[in-house]
Amino acid sequence: MELILQPTVETCGQACIAMITGKPIEEVIKDMKTSGPTSIGQLIDILDFYGVKHAEKNTRISKKNPVPYEYSILTVHLDKGYTHWTLLYDNKYYDPEFGLIDSEYPYGRITSFLGIYK
């Protein structure tokens, strides 16, 4: 997995998709038709467009599902007051805003995840 940093404050979702697919972030932005904030629905649609296998839906972190899959797009509520997409892969966080994090995620609360299948 290669870390891709988001080019703007609002392109974390596009950067996560670029990391998953290995495509340039500019191509992902073009294919998604947005350089702005993204929803889980938009991320699922573009994963389908690129033929990436994934879970059917976003799963909330709960007692029943306490930890994300080893390979997931994470929904993070940042301490800065906004929601952010981050990629979990091989027990490391590939955060398009903050970089590679190989310890506990320090910037906010992970609330849900979308599993990606290899």
PDB file of N, CA and C in Angstrom:
ATOM      1  N   MET A   1       0.856  -1.175   0.000  1.00  0.00           N
ATOM      2  CA  MET A   1       0.000   0.000   0.000  1.00  0.00           C
ATOM      3  C   MET A   1       0.900   1.235   0.000  1.00  0.00           C
ATOM      4  N   GLU A   2       0.579   2.160  -0.880  1.00  0.00           N
ATOM      5  CA  GLU A   2       1.331   3.417  -0.940  1.00  0.00           C
ATOM      6  C   GLU A   2       0.461   4.538  -0.390  1.00  0.00           C
ATOM      7  N   LEU A   3       1.005   5.296   0.557  1.00  0.00           N
ATOM      8  CA  LEU A   3       0.293   6.432   1.129  1.00  0.00           C
ATOM      9  C   LEU A   3       0.120   7.519   0.081  1.00  0.00           C
ATOM     10  N   ILE A   4      -1.106   8.015  -0.048  1.00  0.00           N
ATOM     11  CA  ILE A   4      -1.400   9.157  -0.918  1.00  0.00           C
ATOM     12  C   ILE A   4      -2.023  10.229  -0.045  1.00  0.00           C
ATOM     13  N   LEU A   5      -1.416  11.386  -0.027  1.00  0.00           N
ATOM     14  CA  LEU A   5      -1.943  12.501   0.755  1.00  0.00           C
ATOM     15  C   LEU A   5      -2.987  13.249  -0.057  1.00  0.00           C
ATOM     16  N   GLN A   6      -4.006  13.720   0.625  1.00  0.00           N
ATOM     17  CA  GLN A   6      -5.075  14.450  -0.049  1.00  0.00           C
ATOM     18  C   GLN A   6      -4.567  15.819  -0.486  1.00  0.00           C
ATOM     19  N   PRO A   7      -4.880  16.229  -1.720  1.00  0.00           N
ATOM     20  CA  PRO A   7      -4.403  17.519  -2.217  1.00  0.00           C
ATOM     21  C   PRO A   7      -5.145  18.709  -1.620  1.00  0.00           C
ATOM     22  N   THR A   8      -6.359  18.487  -1.134  1.00  0.00           N
ATOM     23  CA  THR A   8      -7.118  19.560  -0.492  1.00  0.00           C
ATOM     24  C   THR A   8      -7.757  19.004   0.773  1.00  0.00           C
ATOM     25  N   VAL A   9      -8.292  19.886   1.594  1.00  0.00           N
ATOM     26  CA  VAL A   9      -8.918  19.492   2.855  1.00  0.00           C
ATOM     27  C   VAL A   9     -10.121  18.564   2.632  1.00  0.00           C
ATOM     28  N   GLU A  10     -10.745  18.612   1.480  1.00  0.00           N
ATOM     29  CA  GLU A  10     -11.991  17.885   1.239  1.00  0.00           C
ATOM     30  C   GLU A  10     -11.842  16.629   0.388  1.00  0.00           C
ATOM     31  N   THR A  11     -10.631  16.159   0.152  1.00  0.00           N
ATOM     32  CA  THR A  11     -10.451  15.014  -0.754  1.00  0.00           C
ATOM     33  C   THR A  11      -9.904  13.761  -0.061  1.00  0.00           C
ATOM     34  N   CYS A  12     -10.247  13.576   1.200  1.00  0.00           N
ATOM     35  CA  CYS A  12      -9.781  12.377   1.906  1.00  0.00           C
ATOM     36  C   CYS A  12     -10.396  11.108   1.317  1.00  0.00           C
ATOM     37  N   GLY A  13     -11.666  11.158   0.945  1.00  0.00           N
ATOM     38  CA  GLY A  13     -12.317   9.989   0.349  1.00  0.00           C
ATOM     39  C   GLY A  13     -11.671   9.606  -0.969  1.00  0.00           C
ATOM     40  N   GLN A  14     -11.416  10.582  -1.804  1.00  0.00           N
ATOM     41  CA  GLN A  14     -10.776  10.329  -3.091  1.00  0.00           C
ATOM     42  C   GLN A  14      -9.370   9.756  -2.885  1.00  0.00           C
ATOM     43  N   ALA A  15      -8.648  10.263  -1.888  1.00  0.00           N
ATOM     44  CA  ALA A  15      -7.296   9.761  -1.612  1.00  0.00           C
ATOM     45  C   ALA A  15      -7.347   8.305  -1.150  1.00  0.00           C
ATOM     46  N   CYS A  16      -8.325   7.954  -0.325  1.00  0.00           N
ATOM     47  CA  CYS A  16      -8.472   6.562   0.113  1.00  0.00           C
ATOM     48  C   CYS A  16      -8.726   5.652  -1.089  1.00  0.00           C
ATOM     49  N   ILE A  17      -9.592   6.077  -1.990  1.00  0.00           N
ATOM     50  CA  ILE A  17      -9.878   5.274  -3.184  1.00  0.00           C
ATOM     51  C   ILE A  17      -8.628   5.150  -4.053  1.00  0.00           C
ATOM     52  N   ALA A  18      -7.867   6.216  -4.187  1.00  0.00           N
ATOM     53  CA  ALA A  18      -6.624   6.175  -4.963  1.00  0.00           C
ATOM     54  C   ALA A  18      -5.645   5.170  -4.352  1.00  0.00           C
ATOM     55  N   MET A  19      -5.558   5.139  -3.025  1.00  0.00           N
ATOM     56  CA  MET A  19      -4.665   4.176  -2.375  1.00  0.00           C
ATOM     57  C   MET A  19      -5.128   2.749  -2.628  1.00  0.00           C
ATOM     58  N   ILE A  20      -6.418   2.502  -2.542  1.00  0.00           N
ATOM     59  CA  ILE A  20      -6.966   1.159  -2.728  1.00  0.00           C
ATOM     60  C   ILE A  20      -6.756   0.673  -4.158  1.00  0.00           C
ATOM     61  N   THR A  21      -6.985   1.556  -5.130  1.00  0.00           N
ATOM     62  CA  THR A  21      -6.954   1.152  -6.544  1.00  0.00           C
ATOM     63  C   THR A  21      -5.580   1.303  -7.191  1.00  0.00           C
ATOM     64  N   GLY A  22      -4.712   2.118  -6.588  1.00  0.00           N
ATOM     65  CA  GLY A  22      -3.416   2.400  -7.214  1.00  0.00           C
ATOM     66  C   GLY A  22      -3.516   3.410  -8.342  1.00  0.00           C
ATOM     67  N   LYS A  23      -4.668   4.046  -8.474  1.00  0.00           N
ATOM     68  CA  LYS A  23      -4.868   5.055  -9.522  1.00  0.00           C
ATOM     69  C   LYS A  23      -4.424   6.424  -9.022  1.00  0.00           C
ATOM     70  N   PRO A  24      -4.031   7.308  -9.917  1.00  0.00           N
ATOM     71  CA  PRO A  24      -3.696   8.682  -9.506  1.00  0.00           C
ATOM     72  C   PRO A  24      -4.932   9.368  -8.922  1.00  0.00           C
ATOM     73  N   ILE A  25      -4.733  10.164  -7.899  1.00  0.00           N
ATOM     74  CA  ILE A  25      -5.871  10.812  -7.243  1.00  0.00           C
ATOM     75  C   ILE A  25      -6.625  11.724  -8.215  1.00  0.00           C
ATOM     76  N   GLU A  26      -5.920  12.326  -9.160  1.00  0.00           N
ATOM     77  CA  GLU A  26      -6.591  13.183 -10.147  1.00  0.00           C
ATOM     78  C   GLU A  26      -7.594  12.383 -10.979  1.00  0.00           C
ATOM     79  N   GLU A  27      -7.245  11.138 -11.298  1.00  0.00           N
ATOM     80  CA  GLU A  27      -8.155  10.275 -12.061  1.00  0.00           C
ATOM     81  C   GLU A  27      -9.380   9.907 -11.214  1.00  0.00           C
ATOM     82  N   VAL A  28      -9.149   9.615  -9.932  1.00  0.00           N
ATOM     83  CA  VAL A  28     -10.258   9.282  -9.037  1.00  0.00           C
ATOM     84  C   VAL A  28     -11.201  10.473  -8.902  1.00  0.00           C
ATOM     85  N   ILE A  29     -10.641  11.665  -8.713  1.00  0.00           N
ATOM     86  CA  ILE A  29     -11.464  12.882  -8.611  1.00  0.00           C
ATOM     87  C   ILE A  29     -12.306  13.052  -9.884  1.00  0.00           C
ATOM     88  N   LYS A  30     -11.675  12.846 -11.033  1.00  0.00           N
ATOM     89  CA  LYS A  30     -12.389  12.970 -12.317  1.00  0.00           C
ATOM     90  C   LYS A  30     -13.506  11.932 -12.423  1.00  0.00           C
ATOM     91  N   ASP A  31     -13.190  10.685 -12.078  1.00  0.00           N
ATOM     92  CA  ASP A  31     -14.188   9.615 -12.185  1.00  0.00           C
ATOM     93  C   ASP A  31     -15.320   9.781 -11.174  1.00  0.00           C
ATOM     94  N   MET A  32     -15.007  10.340 -10.002  1.00  0.00           N
ATOM     95  CA  MET A  32     -16.045  10.577  -8.992  1.00  0.00           C
ATOM     96  C   MET A  32     -16.846  11.839  -9.285  1.00  0.00           C
ATOM     97  N   LYS A  33     -16.316  12.663 -10.173  1.00  0.00           N
ATOM     98  CA  LYS A  33     -16.959  13.927 -10.553  1.00  0.00           C
ATOM     99  C   LYS A  33     -17.095  14.884  -9.369  1.00  0.00           C
ATOM    100  N   THR A  34     -16.130  14.800  -8.436  1.00  0.00           N
ATOM    101  CA  THR A  34     -16.111  15.758  -7.326  1.00  0.00           C
ATOM    102  C   THR A  34     -14.718  15.849  -6.720  1.00  0.00           C
ATOM    103  N   SER A  35     -14.368  17.067  -6.364  1.00  0.00           N
ATOM    104  CA  SER A  35     -13.149  17.309  -5.587  1.00  0.00           C
ATOM    105  C   SER A  35     -13.548  17.825  -4.205  1.00  0.00           C
ATOM    106  N   GLY A  36     -14.811  17.566  -3.846  1.00  0.00           N
ATOM    107  CA  GLY A  36     -15.329  18.003  -2.561  1.00  0.00           C
ATOM    108  C   GLY A  36     -15.556  16.831  -1.632  1.00  0.00           C
ATOM    109  N   PRO A  37     -16.248  17.079  -0.534  1.00  0.00           N
ATOM    110  CA  PRO A  37     -16.535  16.027   0.442  1.00  0.00           C
ATOM    111  C   PRO A  37     -17.308  14.871  -0.203  1.00  0.00           C
ATOM    112  N   THR A  38     -17.111  13.669   0.339  1.00  0.00           N
ATOM    113  CA  THR A  38     -17.767  12.486  -0.211  1.00  0.00           C
ATOM    114  C   THR A  38     -18.547  11.752   0.872  1.00  0.00           C
ATOM    115  N   SER A  39     -19.575  11.058   0.435  1.00  0.00           N
ATOM    116  CA  SER A  39     -20.392  10.233   1.329  1.00  0.00           C
ATOM    117  C   SER A  39     -19.963   8.778   1.186  1.00  0.00           C
ATOM    118  N   ILE A  40     -20.419   7.945   2.106  1.00  0.00           N
ATOM    119  CA  ILE A  40     -20.133   6.513   2.003  1.00  0.00           C
ATOM    120  C   ILE A  40     -20.755   5.953   0.724  1.00  0.00           C
ATOM    121  N   GLY A  41     -21.908   6.463   0.334  1.00  0.00           N
ATOM    122  CA  GLY A  41     -22.538   6.020  -0.912  1.00  0.00           C
ATOM    123  C   GLY A  41     -21.674   6.296  -2.124  1.00  0.00           C
ATOM    124  N   GLN A  42     -21.067   7.480  -2.160  1.00  0.00           N
ATOM    125  CA  GLN A  42     -20.166   7.815  -3.272  1.00  0.00           C
ATOM    126  C   GLN A  42     -18.936   6.909  -3.272  1.00  0.00           C
ATOM    127  N   LEU A  43     -18.405   6.598  -2.093  1.00  0.00           N
ATOM    128  CA  LEU A  43     -17.234   5.720  -2.022  1.00  0.00           C
ATOM    129  C   LEU A  43     -17.598   4.316  -2.507  1.00  0.00           C
ATOM    130  N   ILE A  44     -18.749   3.825  -2.103  1.00  0.00           N
ATOM    131  CA  ILE A  44     -19.204   2.504  -2.556  1.00  0.00           C
ATOM    132  C   ILE A  44     -19.405   2.509  -4.073  1.00  0.00           C
ATOM    133  N   ASP A  45     -20.013   3.565  -4.599  1.00  0.00           N
ATOM    134  CA  ASP A  45     -20.242   3.651  -6.050  1.00  0.00           C
ATOM    135  C   ASP A  45     -18.927   3.617  -6.826  1.00  0.00           C
ATOM    136  N   ILE A  46     -17.915   4.337  -6.368  1.00  0.00           N
ATOM    137  CA  ILE A  46     -16.655   4.367  -7.117  1.00  0.00           C
ATOM    138  C   ILE A  46     -15.891   3.053  -6.946  1.00  0.00           C
ATOM    139  N   LEU A  47     -15.997   2.426  -5.783  1.00  0.00           N
ATOM    140  CA  LEU A  47     -15.390   1.094  -5.627  1.00  0.00           C
ATOM    141  C   LEU A  47     -16.038   0.119  -6.614  1.00  0.00           C
ATOM    142  N   ASP A  48     -17.355   0.178  -6.757  1.00  0.00           N
ATOM    143  CA  ASP A  48     -18.059  -0.661  -7.728  1.00  0.00           C
ATOM    144  C   ASP A  48     -17.599  -0.338  -9.151  1.00  0.00           C
ATOM    145  N   PHE A  49     -17.479   0.940  -9.455  1.00  0.00           N
ATOM    146  CA  PHE A  49     -17.035   1.389 -10.781  1.00  0.00           C
ATOM    147  C   PHE A  49     -15.669   0.798 -11.117  1.00  0.00           C
ATOM    148  N   TYR A  50     -14.774   0.750 -10.135  1.00  0.00           N
ATOM    149  CA  TYR A  50     -13.422   0.218 -10.345  1.00  0.00           C
ATOM    150  C   TYR A  50     -13.344  -1.299 -10.153  1.00  0.00           C
ATOM    151  N   GLY A  51     -14.453  -1.933  -9.772  1.00  0.00           N
ATOM    152  CA  GLY A  51     -14.456  -3.382  -9.617  1.00  0.00           C
ATOM    153  C   GLY A  51     -13.783  -3.884  -8.345  1.00  0.00           C
ATOM    154  N   VAL A  52     -13.746  -3.038  -7.315  1.00  0.00           N
ATOM    155  CA  VAL A  52     -13.145  -3.426  -6.033  1.00  0.00           C
ATOM    156  C   VAL A  52     -14.219  -4.088  -5.169  1.00  0.00           C
ATOM    157  N   LYS A  53     -13.933  -5.267  -4.685  1.00  0.00           N
ATOM    158  CA  LYS A  53     -14.880  -5.979  -3.827  1.00  0.00           C
ATOM    159  C   LYS A  53     -14.845  -5.394  -2.416  1.00  0.00           C
ATOM    160  N   HIS A  54     -16.037  -5.234  -1.833  1.00  0.00           N
ATOM    161  CA  HIS A  54     -16.148  -4.584  -0.526  1.00  0.00           C
ATOM    162  C   HIS A  54     -17.389  -5.087   0.193  1.00  0.00           C
ATOM    163  N   ALA A  55     -17.484  -4.759   1.471  1.00  0.00           N
ATOM    164  CA  ALA A  55     -18.682  -5.093   2.239  1.00  0.00           C
ATOM    165  C   ALA A  55     -19.880  -4.373   1.636  1.00  0.00           C
ATOM    166  N   GLU A  56     -21.048  -4.917   1.906  1.00  0.00           N
ATOM    167  CA  GLU A  56     -22.280  -4.339   1.369  1.00  0.00           C
ATOM    168  C   GLU A  56     -22.559  -2.940   1.885  1.00  0.00           C
ATOM    169  N   LYS A  57     -22.202  -2.706   3.167  1.00  0.00           N
ATOM    170  CA  LYS A  57     -22.520  -1.420   3.780  1.00  0.00           C
ATOM    171  C   LYS A  57     -21.488  -1.066   4.832  1.00  0.00           C
ATOM    172  N   ASN A  58     -21.538   0.173   5.244  1.00  0.00           N
ATOM    173  CA  ASN A  58     -20.709   0.675   6.325  1.00  0.00           C
ATOM    174  C   ASN A  58     -21.203   0.040   7.626  1.00  0.00           C
ATOM    175  N   THR A  59     -20.292  -0.407   8.481  1.00  0.00           N
ATOM    176  CA  THR A  59     -20.658  -1.062   9.737  1.00  0.00           C
ATOM    177  C   THR A  59     -20.237  -0.181  10.908  1.00  0.00           C
ATOM    178  N   ARG A  60     -21.181   0.101  11.793  1.00  0.00           N
ATOM    179  CA  ARG A  60     -20.873   0.916  12.973  1.00  0.00           C
ATOM    180  C   ARG A  60     -20.052   0.111  13.962  1.00  0.00           C
ATOM    181  N   ILE A  61     -19.090   0.765  14.599  1.00  0.00           N
ATOM    182  CA  ILE A  61     -18.324   0.149  15.678  1.00  0.00           C
ATOM    183  C   ILE A  61     -19.280  -0.017  16.861  1.00  0.00           C
ATOM    184  N   SER A  62     -19.367  -1.245  17.382  1.00  0.00           N
ATOM    185  CA  SER A  62     -20.290  -1.534  18.477  1.00  0.00           C
ATOM    186  C   SER A  62     -19.759  -2.748  19.241  1.00  0.00           C
ATOM    187  N   LYS A  63     -20.483  -3.165  20.252  1.00  0.00           N
ATOM    188  CA  LYS A  63     -20.094  -4.380  20.977  1.00  0.00           C
ATOM    189  C   LYS A  63     -20.113  -5.586  20.040  1.00  0.00           C
ATOM    190  N   LYS A  64     -21.070  -5.607  19.132  1.00  0.00           N
ATOM    191  CA  LYS A  64     -21.167  -6.704  18.168  1.00  0.00           C
ATOM    192  C   LYS A  64     -20.036  -6.649  17.134  1.00  0.00           C
ATOM    193  N   ASN A  65     -19.627  -5.452  16.740  1.00  0.00           N
ATOM    194  CA  ASN A  65     -18.557  -5.232  15.761  1.00  0.00           C
ATOM    195  C   ASN A  65     -17.532  -4.264  16.365  1.00  0.00           C
ATOM    196  N   PRO A  66     -16.721  -4.739  17.315  1.00  0.00           N
ATOM    197  CA  PRO A  66     -15.859  -3.809  18.059  1.00  0.00           C
ATOM    198  C   PRO A  66     -14.628  -3.310  17.308  1.00  0.00           C
ATOM    199  N   VAL A  67     -14.194  -4.040  16.289  1.00  0.00           N
ATOM    200  CA  VAL A  67     -12.992  -3.618  15.560  1.00  0.00           C
ATOM    201  C   VAL A  67     -13.240  -3.714  14.059  1.00  0.00           C
ATOM    202  N   PRO A  68     -12.632  -2.818  13.301  1.00  0.00           N
ATOM    203  CA  PRO A  68     -12.788  -2.858  11.845  1.00  0.00           C
ATOM    204  C   PRO A  68     -12.070  -4.072  11.252  1.00  0.00           C
ATOM    205  N   TYR A  69     -12.450  -4.432  10.040  1.00  0.00           N
ATOM    206  CA  TYR A  69     -11.714  -5.450   9.303  1.00  0.00           C
ATOM    207  C   TYR A  69     -10.290  -4.952   9.093  1.00  0.00           C
ATOM    208  N   GLU A  70      -9.387  -5.889   8.876  1.00  0.00           N
ATOM    209  CA  GLU A  70      -7.966  -5.558   8.689  1.00  0.00           C
ATOM    210  C   GLU A  70      -7.743  -4.582   7.529  1.00  0.00           C
ATOM    211  N   TYR A  71      -8.633  -4.610   6.541  1.00  0.00           N
ATOM    212  CA  TYR A  71      -8.528  -3.735   5.367  1.00  0.00           C
ATOM    213  C   TYR A  71      -9.869  -3.025   5.245  1.00  0.00           C
ATOM    214  N   SER A  72      -9.915  -1.752   5.637  1.00  0.00           N
ATOM    215  CA  SER A  72     -11.182  -1.014   5.699  1.00  0.00           C
ATOM    216  C   SER A  72     -10.986   0.466   5.439  1.00  0.00           C
ATOM    217  N   ILE A  73     -12.043   1.077   4.923  1.00  0.00           N
ATOM    218  CA  ILE A  73     -12.140   2.534   4.936  1.00  0.00           C
ATOM    219  C   ILE A  73     -12.836   2.879   6.250  1.00  0.00           C
ATOM    220  N   LEU A  74     -12.218   3.740   7.030  1.00  0.00           N
ATOM    221  CA  LEU A  74     -12.742   4.105   8.342  1.00  0.00           C
ATOM    222  C   LEU A  74     -13.411   5.462   8.319  1.00  0.00           C
ATOM    223  N   THR A  75     -14.524   5.570   9.013  1.00  0.00           N
ATOM    224  CA  THR A  75     -15.165   6.857   9.267  1.00  0.00           C
ATOM    225  C   THR A  75     -14.616   7.345  10.603  1.00  0.00           C
ATOM    226  N   VAL A  76     -13.993   8.519  10.585  1.00  0.00           N
ATOM    227  CA  VAL A  76     -13.380   9.055  11.797  1.00  0.00           C
ATOM    228  C   VAL A  76     -13.989  10.425  12.093  1.00  0.00           C
ATOM    229  N   HIS A  77     -14.415  10.606  13.327  1.00  0.00           N
ATOM    230  CA  HIS A  77     -14.860  11.921  13.775  1.00  0.00           C
ATOM    231  C   HIS A  77     -13.665  12.562  14.461  1.00  0.00           C
ATOM    232  N   LEU A  78     -13.094  13.535  13.782  1.00  0.00           N
ATOM    233  CA  LEU A  78     -11.854  14.153  14.261  1.00  0.00           C
ATOM    234  C   LEU A  78     -12.112  15.126  15.392  1.00  0.00           C
ATOM    235  N   ASP A  79     -11.092  15.249  16.242  1.00  0.00           N
ATOM    236  CA  ASP A  79     -11.152  16.198  17.351  1.00  0.00           C
ATOM    237  C   ASP A  79     -11.342  17.629  16.850  1.00  0.00           C
ATOM    238  N   LYS A  80     -10.958  17.879  15.597  1.00  0.00           N
ATOM    239  CA  LYS A  80     -11.093  19.218  15.004  1.00  0.00           C
ATOM    240  C   LYS A  80     -12.544  19.552  14.642  1.00  0.00           C
ATOM    241  N   GLY A  81     -13.452  18.584  14.791  1.00  0.00           N
ATOM    242  CA  GLY A  81     -14.867  18.860  14.580  1.00  0.00           C
ATOM    243  C   GLY A  81     -15.419  18.494  13.220  1.00  0.00           C
ATOM    244  N   TYR A  82     -14.733  17.660  12.457  1.00  0.00           N
ATOM    245  CA  TYR A  82     -15.289  17.232  11.178  1.00  0.00           C
ATOM    246  C   TYR A  82     -15.075  15.734  10.988  1.00  0.00           C
ATOM    247  N   THR A  83     -15.777  15.173  10.013  1.00  0.00           N
ATOM    248  CA  THR A  83     -15.685  13.748   9.707  1.00  0.00           C
ATOM    249  C   THR A  83     -14.654  13.544   8.606  1.00  0.00           C
ATOM    250  N   HIS A  84     -13.953  12.432   8.677  1.00  0.00           N
ATOM    251  CA  HIS A  84     -12.773  12.191   7.835  1.00  0.00           C
ATOM    252  C   HIS A  84     -12.733  10.716   7.438  1.00  0.00           C
ATOM    253  N   TRP A  85     -12.228  10.429   6.241  1.00  0.00           N
ATOM    254  CA  TRP A  85     -12.011   9.054   5.786  1.00  0.00           C
ATOM    255  C   TRP A  85     -10.531   8.719   5.932  1.00  0.00           C
ATOM    256  N   THR A  86     -10.249   7.545   6.464  1.00  0.00           N
ATOM    257  CA  THR A  86      -8.891   7.038   6.639  1.00  0.00           C
ATOM    258  C   THR A  86      -8.895   5.570   6.242  1.00  0.00           C
ATOM    259  N   LEU A  87      -7.772   5.081   5.770  1.00  0.00           N
ATOM    260  CA  LEU A  87      -7.661   3.695   5.342  1.00  0.00           C
ATOM    261  C   LEU A  87      -6.876   2.892   6.380  1.00  0.00           C
ATOM    262  N   LEU A  88      -7.423   1.746   6.773  1.00  0.00           N
ATOM    263  CA  LEU A  88      -6.723   0.798   7.642  1.00  0.00           C
ATOM    264  C   LEU A  88      -6.269  -0.359   6.772  1.00  0.00           C
ATOM    265  N   TYR A  89      -4.969  -0.650   6.824  1.00  0.00           N
ATOM    266  CA  TYR A  89      -4.421  -1.742   6.029  1.00  0.00           C
ATOM    267  C   TYR A  89      -3.243  -2.342   6.777  1.00  0.00           C
ATOM    268  N   ASP A  90      -3.284  -3.650   6.992  1.00  0.00           N
ATOM    269  CA  ASP A  90      -2.180  -4.359   7.621  1.00  0.00           C
ATOM    270  C   ASP A  90      -1.783  -3.731   8.967  1.00  0.00           C
ATOM    271  N   ASN A  91      -2.799  -3.419   9.777  1.00  0.00           N
ATOM    272  CA  ASN A  91      -2.615  -2.848  11.116  1.00  0.00           C
ATOM    273  C   ASN A  91      -1.946  -1.476  11.133  1.00  0.00           C
ATOM    274  N   LYS A  92      -2.027  -0.757  10.026  1.00  0.00           N
ATOM    275  CA  LYS A  92      -1.508   0.612   9.947  1.00  0.00           C
ATOM    276  C   LYS A  92      -2.601   1.507   9.390  1.00  0.00           C
ATOM    277  N   TYR A  93      -2.582   2.748   9.821  1.00  0.00           N
ATOM    278  CA  TYR A  93      -3.535   3.741   9.323  1.00  0.00           C
ATOM    279  C   TYR A  93      -2.856   4.556   8.234  1.00  0.00           C
ATOM    280  N   TYR A  94      -3.417   4.505   7.054  1.00  0.00           N
ATOM    281  CA  TYR A  94      -2.943   5.310   5.929  1.00  0.00           C
ATOM    282  C   TYR A  94      -3.877   6.509   5.858  1.00  0.00           C
ATOM    283  N   ASP A  95      -3.489   7.550   6.581  1.00  0.00           N
ATOM    284  CA  ASP A  95      -4.344   8.712   6.717  1.00  0.00           C
ATOM    285  C   ASP A  95      -3.949   9.751   5.677  1.00  0.00           C
ATOM    286  N   PRO A  96      -4.863  10.082   4.762  1.00  0.00           N
ATOM    287  CA  PRO A  96      -4.515  11.010   3.689  1.00  0.00           C
ATOM    288  C   PRO A  96      -4.257  12.440   4.163  1.00  0.00           C
ATOM    289  N   GLU A  97      -4.608  12.755   5.407  1.00  0.00           N
ATOM    290  CA  GLU A  97      -4.333  14.094   5.937  1.00  0.00           C
ATOM    291  C   GLU A  97      -3.101  14.106   6.837  1.00  0.00           C
ATOM    292  N   PHE A  98      -2.946  13.071   7.669  1.00  0.00           N
ATOM    293  CA  PHE A  98      -1.908  13.081   8.699  1.00  0.00           C
ATOM    294  C   PHE A  98      -0.727  12.159   8.422  1.00  0.00           C
ATOM    295  N   GLY A  99      -0.812  11.307   7.398  1.00  0.00           N
ATOM    296  CA  GLY A  99       0.296  10.423   7.062  1.00  0.00           C
ATOM    297  C   GLY A  99       0.116   9.015   7.609  1.00  0.00           C
ATOM    298  N   LEU A 100       1.187   8.244   7.587  1.00  0.00           N
ATOM    299  CA  LEU A 100       1.177   6.856   8.026  1.00  0.00           C
ATOM    300  C   LEU A 100       1.280   6.790   9.546  1.00  0.00           C
ATOM    301  N   ILE A 101       0.368   6.040  10.153  1.00  0.00           N
ATOM    302  CA  ILE A 101       0.319   5.918  11.612  1.00  0.00           C
ATOM    303  C   ILE A 101       0.353   4.426  11.932  1.00  0.00           C
ATOM    304  N   ASP A 102       1.368   3.982  12.664  1.00  0.00           N
ATOM    305  CA  ASP A 102       1.466   2.546  12.950  1.00  0.00           C
ATOM    306  C   ASP A 102       1.228   2.229  14.425  1.00  0.00           C
ATOM    307  N   SER A 103       0.491   3.109  15.079  1.00  0.00           N
ATOM    308  CA  SER A 103       0.092   2.872  16.468  1.00  0.00           C
ATOM    309  C   SER A 103      -1.403   3.179  16.568  1.00  0.00           C
ATOM    310  N   GLU A 104      -1.922   3.282  17.764  1.00  0.00           N
ATOM    311  CA  GLU A 104      -3.334   3.613  17.943  1.00  0.00           C
ATOM    312  C   GLU A 104      -3.649   4.953  17.275  1.00  0.00           C
ATOM    313  N   TYR A 105      -4.813   5.026  16.630  1.00  0.00           N
ATOM    314  CA  TYR A 105      -5.176   6.252  15.901  1.00  0.00           C
ATOM    315  C   TYR A 105      -5.372   7.410  16.880  1.00  0.00           C
ATOM    316  N   PRO A 106      -4.590   8.504  16.753  1.00  0.00           N
ATOM    317  CA  PRO A 106      -4.597   9.561  17.764  1.00  0.00           C
ATOM    318  C   PRO A 106      -5.467  10.779  17.486  1.00  0.00           C
ATOM    319  N   TYR A 107      -6.072  10.892  16.309  1.00  0.00           N
ATOM    320  CA  TYR A 107      -6.670  12.169  15.908  1.00  0.00           C
ATOM    321  C   TYR A 107      -8.177  12.277  16.096  1.00  0.00           C
ATOM    322  N   GLY A 108      -8.834  11.194  16.435  1.00  0.00           N
ATOM    323  CA  GLY A 108     -10.280  11.248  16.590  1.00  0.00           C
ATOM    324  C   GLY A 108     -10.846   9.885  16.901  1.00  0.00           C
ATOM    325  N   ARG A 109     -12.171   9.770  16.819  1.00  0.00           N
ATOM    326  CA  ARG A 109     -12.881   8.549  17.172  1.00  0.00           C
ATOM    327  C   ARG A 109     -13.362   7.839  15.909  1.00  0.00           C
ATOM    328  N   ILE A 110     -12.945   6.586  15.759  1.00  0.00           N
ATOM    329  CA  ILE A 110     -13.383   5.761  14.635  1.00  0.00           C
ATOM    330  C   ILE A 110     -14.783   5.250  14.972  1.00  0.00           C
ATOM    331  N   THR A 111     -15.746   5.569  14.123  1.00  0.00           N
ATOM    332  CA  THR A 111     -17.136   5.223  14.428  1.00  0.00           C
ATOM    333  C   THR A 111     -17.718   4.134  13.536  1.00  0.00           C
ATOM    334  N   SER A 112     -17.133   3.920  12.361  1.00  0.00           N
ATOM    335  CA  SER A 112     -17.639   2.878  11.473  1.00  0.00           C
ATOM    336  C   SER A 112     -16.571   2.523  10.452  1.00  0.00           C
ATOM    337  N   PHE A 113     -16.848   1.457   9.695  1.00  0.00           N
ATOM    338  CA  PHE A 113     -15.873   0.998   8.704  1.00  0.00           C
ATOM    339  C   PHE A 113     -16.590   0.309   7.547  1.00  0.00           C
ATOM    340  N   LEU A 114     -15.932   0.360   6.390  1.00  0.00           N
ATOM    341  CA  LEU A 114     -16.376  -0.362   5.205  1.00  0.00           C
ATOM    342  C   LEU A 114     -15.265  -1.331   4.842  1.00  0.00           C
ATOM    343  N   GLY A 115     -15.537  -2.623   5.002  1.00  0.00           N
ATOM    344  CA  GLY A 115     -14.528  -3.636   4.711  1.00  0.00           C
ATOM    345  C   GLY A 115     -14.213  -3.701   3.220  1.00  0.00           C
ATOM    346  N   ILE A 116     -12.924  -3.829   2.925  1.00  0.00           N
ATOM    347  CA  ILE A 116     -12.446  -4.009   1.554  1.00  0.00           C
ATOM    348  C   ILE A 116     -11.904  -5.434   1.460  1.00  0.00           C
ATOM    349  N   TYR A 117     -12.275  -6.150   0.406  1.00  0.00           N
ATOM    350  CA  TYR A 117     -11.832  -7.538   0.243  1.00  0.00           C
ATOM    351  C   TYR A 117     -10.679  -7.591  -0.748  1.00  0.00           C
ATOM    352  N   LYS A 118      -9.645  -8.302  -0.380  1.00  0.00           N
ATOM    353  CA  LYS A 118      -8.455  -8.421  -1.249  1.00  0.00           C
ATOM    354  C   LYS A 118      -8.740  -9.316  -2.429  1.00  0.00           C
TER     355      LYS A 118
END
